[in-house]
Amino acid sequence: MSINNTTTTSKSFEKIQLSRFFSYFEKNYVLLYAFLLIIIATYFAVIIPKGVFLTQLNSSHSPFLDIFFKYVTYLGDTLIYIPIAFTLFFYHKRKIKYLVLLLITQTAFTWLFKKILLKGMPRPKEFFSENVFNHFHKVSGVDIHSWNTFPSGHTMTAFALAFFFILNPKTPKTTQITLFPLACLVGLSRVYLLQHFYIDICFGAIFGILSAYITLHLHLKIPSLKFQNIRSRILK
């Protein structure tokens, strides 16, 4: 009887938490605008011929953009998890486990597409002929990769981390507003640096957001799984 009551309580807790989350989603205009922009961007990524956006963006190069995108792209490197984890250790230690879960979820998406489903898919360097690619502007000091273009891992990391905080109701609005454009800039940097196509960064953003959502969903369920509940289910 107590086990059934515990199970019912756990399910009720999950429903309350999920309802609060969706209520928050409806009221959070940052989320609404972000998802709307991503849907529109993905639509154009599908209808625009591959390489057109890259060609246009690369032709708009400047010394300032070279330096800017060369360094802003590092915000999408998986190593960025280290300083974030270090910060959480001092201020929100309990969230570190969810940050690790986010990294695992994101890595799963990356491996699924880059190593299994679309392994060896050419990046711009191999997609264009040598004569065409030689005419593109290249940023000094950037090692341009050749294969496994879909999706953009850097963009996925940037959006996964951005929405890890944006989906948290306790995150200040100013922080939410800052994180989304930063993630977008990381995605643009991957195209500007000739590492990815426009469609790669769009789906990288989608998979990054999905990673954050999956992590949040598990976050809402894990707190309801008390040790006593787990033990009682094992002994049942």
Protein backbone atom coordinates (compact mmCIF):
# COMPACT_ATOMS: atom_id res chain seq x y z
CA MET A 1 0.00 0.00 0.00
CA SER A 2 2.79 2.41 0.91
CA ILE A 3 4.58 1.59 -2.33
CA ASN A 4 1.48 2.48 -4.36
CA ASN A 5 1.10 5.74 -2.46
CA THR A 6 4.77 6.55 -3.06
CA THR A 7 4.41 5.82 -6.78
CA THR A 8 1.29 8.01 -7.00
CA THR A 9 3.06 10.83 -5.17
CA SER A 10 6.04 10.58 -7.51
CA LYS A 11 3.80 10.76 -10.60
CA SER A 12 1.91 13.72 -9.16
CA PHE A 13 5.19 15.49 -8.46
CA GLU A 14 6.34 14.93 -12.05
CA LYS A 15 3.05 16.24 -13.48
CA ILE A 16 3.23 19.36 -11.31
CA GLN A 17 6.83 20.02 -12.33
CA LEU A 18 6.11 19.50 -16.03
CA SER A 19 3.02 21.74 -15.88
CA ARG A 20 5.12 24.44 -14.23
CA PHE A 21 7.72 24.09 -16.96
CA PHE A 22 5.23 24.44 -19.83
CA SER A 23 3.55 27.35 -18.04
CA TYR A 24 6.96 28.99 -17.80
CA PHE A 25 7.56 28.30 -21.49
CA GLU A 26 4.32 30.06 -22.44
CA LYS A 27 5.29 33.16 -20.46
CA ASN A 28 8.94 33.29 -21.48
CA TYR A 29 9.19 35.49 -24.56
CA VAL A 30 12.91 34.77 -24.93
CA LEU A 31 12.09 31.12 -25.54
CA LEU A 32 9.23 31.90 -27.90
CA TYR A 33 11.30 34.27 -30.03
CA ALA A 34 14.27 31.89 -29.99
CA PHE A 35 12.22 28.95 -31.21
CA LEU A 36 10.48 31.08 -33.82
CA LEU A 37 13.81 32.30 -35.20
CA ILE A 38 15.23 28.78 -35.28
CA ILE A 39 12.17 27.46 -37.13
CA ILE A 40 12.46 30.24 -39.73
CA ALA A 41 16.24 29.73 -40.04
CA THR A 42 15.80 25.98 -40.51
CA TYR A 43 13.15 26.55 -43.18
CA PHE A 44 15.54 28.71 -45.19
CA ALA A 45 18.34 26.20 -44.59
CA VAL A 46 16.24 23.55 -46.29
CA ILE A 47 15.17 25.61 -49.31
CA ILE A 48 18.42 27.53 -49.94
CA PRO A 49 20.95 25.59 -52.08
CA LYS A 50 23.88 24.27 -50.10
CA GLY A 51 26.83 26.65 -50.06
CA VAL A 52 24.94 29.85 -50.97
CA PHE A 53 24.83 31.26 -47.46
CA LEU A 54 28.46 30.28 -46.87
CA THR A 55 29.53 32.06 -50.06
CA GLN A 56 27.65 35.24 -49.14
CA LEU A 57 28.92 35.33 -45.57
CA ASN A 58 32.50 34.59 -46.57
CA SER A 59 32.45 37.35 -49.18
CA SER A 60 31.58 39.84 -46.40
CA HIS A 61 34.86 39.22 -44.60
CA SER A 62 36.83 41.94 -42.83
CA PRO A 63 39.84 42.05 -40.47
CA PHE A 64 37.50 42.66 -37.54
CA LEU A 65 35.24 39.71 -38.38
CA ASP A 66 38.29 37.50 -38.88
CA ILE A 67 39.46 38.13 -35.33
CA PHE A 68 35.95 38.17 -33.85
CA PHE A 69 34.77 34.86 -35.30
CA LYS A 70 38.16 33.21 -34.82
CA TYR A 71 37.80 33.57 -31.06
CA VAL A 72 34.04 33.53 -30.52
CA THR A 73 33.97 30.04 -32.04
CA TYR A 74 35.80 28.74 -28.95
CA LEU A 75 32.60 29.30 -26.97
CA GLY A 76 31.31 26.21 -28.77
CA ASP A 77 34.26 24.00 -27.90
CA THR A 78 33.37 21.20 -25.48
CA LEU A 79 36.21 22.42 -23.24
CA ILE A 80 33.88 25.29 -22.29
CA TYR A 81 32.15 22.78 -20.01
CA ILE A 82 35.17 22.85 -17.69
CA PRO A 83 34.95 26.51 -16.52
CA ILE A 84 31.16 26.24 -16.30
CA ALA A 85 31.43 23.12 -14.12
CA PHE A 86 34.07 24.86 -12.02
CA THR A 87 31.72 27.82 -11.47
CA LEU A 88 28.77 25.58 -10.61
CA PHE A 89 30.94 23.74 -8.10
CA PHE A 90 31.07 26.88 -5.96
CA TYR A 91 27.58 28.29 -6.54
CA HIS A 92 25.25 25.44 -7.61
CA LYS A 93 27.07 22.20 -6.87
CA ARG A 94 23.92 20.08 -7.30
CA LYS A 95 23.62 21.16 -10.94
CA ILE A 96 26.95 19.64 -11.96
CA LYS A 97 25.39 16.20 -12.41
CA TYR A 98 22.88 17.69 -14.84
CA LEU A 99 25.67 19.47 -16.69
CA VAL A 100 27.40 16.09 -17.10
CA LEU A 101 24.11 14.60 -18.29
CA LEU A 102 23.82 17.43 -20.83
CA LEU A 103 27.30 16.66 -22.15
CA ILE A 104 26.47 12.96 -22.46
CA THR A 105 23.20 13.69 -24.30
CA GLN A 106 24.88 16.12 -26.66
CA THR A 107 27.71 13.65 -27.34
CA ALA A 108 25.14 10.95 -28.15
CA PHE A 109 23.60 13.17 -30.87
CA THR A 110 27.06 13.95 -32.23
CA TRP A 111 28.13 10.32 -32.45
CA LEU A 112 24.81 9.23 -33.93
CA PHE A 113 25.13 11.55 -36.92
CA LYS A 114 28.87 12.08 -37.34
CA LYS A 115 29.98 8.51 -36.68
CA ILE A 116 26.99 6.40 -37.78
CA LEU A 117 24.21 7.94 -39.90
CA LEU A 118 26.16 10.57 -41.86
CA LYS A 119 29.75 9.52 -41.30
CA GLY A 120 32.20 11.05 -43.79
CA MET A 121 29.81 13.75 -45.05
CA PRO A 122 32.03 16.39 -46.73
CA ARG A 123 32.61 19.81 -45.26
CA PRO A 124 33.02 22.88 -47.50
CA LYS A 125 36.71 22.09 -48.10
CA GLU A 126 35.80 18.81 -49.81
CA PHE A 127 32.35 19.78 -51.09
CA PHE A 128 33.62 22.53 -53.39
CA SER A 129 36.13 21.92 -56.12
CA GLU A 130 39.71 22.90 -55.33
CA ASN A 131 39.58 25.88 -57.71
CA VAL A 132 36.39 27.23 -56.11
CA PHE A 133 37.55 26.67 -52.54
CA ASN A 134 40.86 28.44 -53.19
CA HIS A 135 38.94 31.63 -53.95
CA PHE A 136 37.29 31.71 -50.51
CA HIS A 137 38.70 33.99 -47.85
CA LYS A 138 40.44 32.01 -45.10
CA VAL A 139 41.23 33.19 -41.58
CA SER A 140 44.88 32.84 -40.67
CA GLY A 141 45.66 30.25 -38.02
CA VAL A 142 42.42 28.27 -38.47
CA ASP A 143 42.74 24.59 -39.31
CA ILE A 144 39.93 23.82 -41.76
CA HIS A 145 38.51 20.30 -41.45
CA SER A 146 37.34 18.15 -44.34
CA TRP A 147 34.76 15.58 -43.20
CA ASN A 148 31.80 14.89 -40.86
CA THR A 149 30.06 18.19 -41.45
CA PHE A 150 26.57 17.37 -40.12
CA PRO A 151 25.65 18.63 -37.60
CA SER A 152 27.89 21.38 -36.28
CA GLY A 153 29.30 20.20 -32.94
CA HIS A 154 30.35 23.68 -31.84
CA THR A 155 26.86 25.04 -32.52
CA MET A 156 25.31 22.12 -30.68
CA THR A 157 27.49 22.80 -27.64
CA ALA A 158 26.69 26.52 -27.67
CA PHE A 159 22.92 25.98 -27.88
CA ALA A 160 22.90 23.08 -25.42
CA LEU A 161 24.63 25.20 -22.79
CA ALA A 162 22.64 28.33 -23.62
CA PHE A 163 19.30 26.56 -23.26
CA PHE A 164 20.51 24.65 -20.23
CA PHE A 165 20.28 28.03 -18.50
CA ILE A 166 17.50 29.62 -20.58
CA LEU A 167 15.11 26.78 -19.73
CA ASN A 168 15.82 27.32 -16.05
CA PRO A 169 13.12 29.65 -14.65
CA LYS A 170 15.61 31.02 -12.12
CA THR A 171 17.96 32.35 -14.80
CA PRO A 172 17.73 36.17 -15.01
CA LYS A 173 16.09 37.56 -18.16
CA THR A 174 19.19 39.59 -19.01
CA THR A 175 21.29 36.42 -18.98
CA GLN A 176 18.76 34.60 -21.17
CA ILE A 177 18.73 37.46 -23.68
CA THR A 178 22.54 37.43 -23.79
CA LEU A 179 23.01 33.67 -24.15
CA PHE A 180 20.83 33.18 -27.22
CA PRO A 181 22.62 35.66 -29.52
CA LEU A 182 25.98 34.36 -28.28
CA ALA A 183 24.98 30.85 -29.34
CA CYS A 184 23.88 32.20 -32.73
CA LEU A 185 27.25 33.93 -33.18
CA VAL A 186 29.05 30.67 -32.48
CA GLY A 187 26.99 29.05 -35.24
CA LEU A 188 27.76 31.87 -37.69
CA SER A 189 31.46 31.59 -36.85
CA ARG A 190 31.47 27.99 -38.04
CA VAL A 191 30.21 29.06 -41.47
CA TYR A 192 32.46 32.13 -41.65
CA LEU A 193 35.51 29.99 -40.86
CA LEU A 194 34.53 27.52 -43.64
CA GLN A 195 34.01 24.66 -41.19
CA HIS A 196 30.30 24.06 -41.83
CA PHE A 197 27.33 24.83 -44.03
CA TYR A 198 24.29 26.83 -42.97
CA ILE A 199 22.13 23.70 -42.62
CA ASP A 200 24.75 22.14 -40.31
CA ILE A 201 24.51 24.97 -37.79
CA CYS A 202 20.69 25.06 -37.93
CA PHE A 203 20.38 21.40 -37.02
CA GLY A 204 23.25 21.74 -34.57
CA ALA A 205 21.12 24.36 -32.80
CA ILE A 206 18.08 22.07 -32.83
CA PHE A 207 19.97 19.10 -31.42
CA GLY A 208 21.58 21.34 -28.82
CA ILE A 209 18.17 22.56 -27.65
CA LEU A 210 16.88 18.97 -27.62
CA SER A 211 19.84 17.98 -25.47
CA ALA A 212 18.99 20.72 -22.98
CA TYR A 213 15.31 19.76 -22.97
CA ILE A 214 16.06 16.06 -22.41
CA THR A 215 18.37 17.00 -19.55
CA LEU A 216 15.70 19.23 -18.00
CA HIS A 217 13.08 16.52 -18.37
CA LEU A 218 15.30 14.05 -16.52
CA HIS A 219 16.05 16.75 -13.94
CA LEU A 220 12.34 16.96 -13.19
CA LYS A 221 12.09 13.21 -12.76
CA ILE A 222 15.27 12.44 -10.83
CA PRO A 223 14.38 14.45 -7.66
CA SER A 224 11.26 12.29 -7.20
CA LEU A 225 13.31 9.09 -7.11
CA LYS A 226 14.22 8.84 -3.44
CA PHE A 227 16.59 6.12 -2.28
CA GLN A 228 13.82 4.52 -0.24
CA ASN A 229 11.57 4.31 -3.30
CA ILE A 230 14.30 2.67 -5.35
CA ARG A 231 15.07 0.16 -2.60
CA SER A 232 11.40 -0.74 -2.16
CA ARG A 233 11.01 -1.32 -5.90
CA ILE A 234 14.06 -3.55 -6.01
CA LEU A 235 12.77 -5.62 -3.05
CA LYS A 236 9.26 -5.82 -4.44
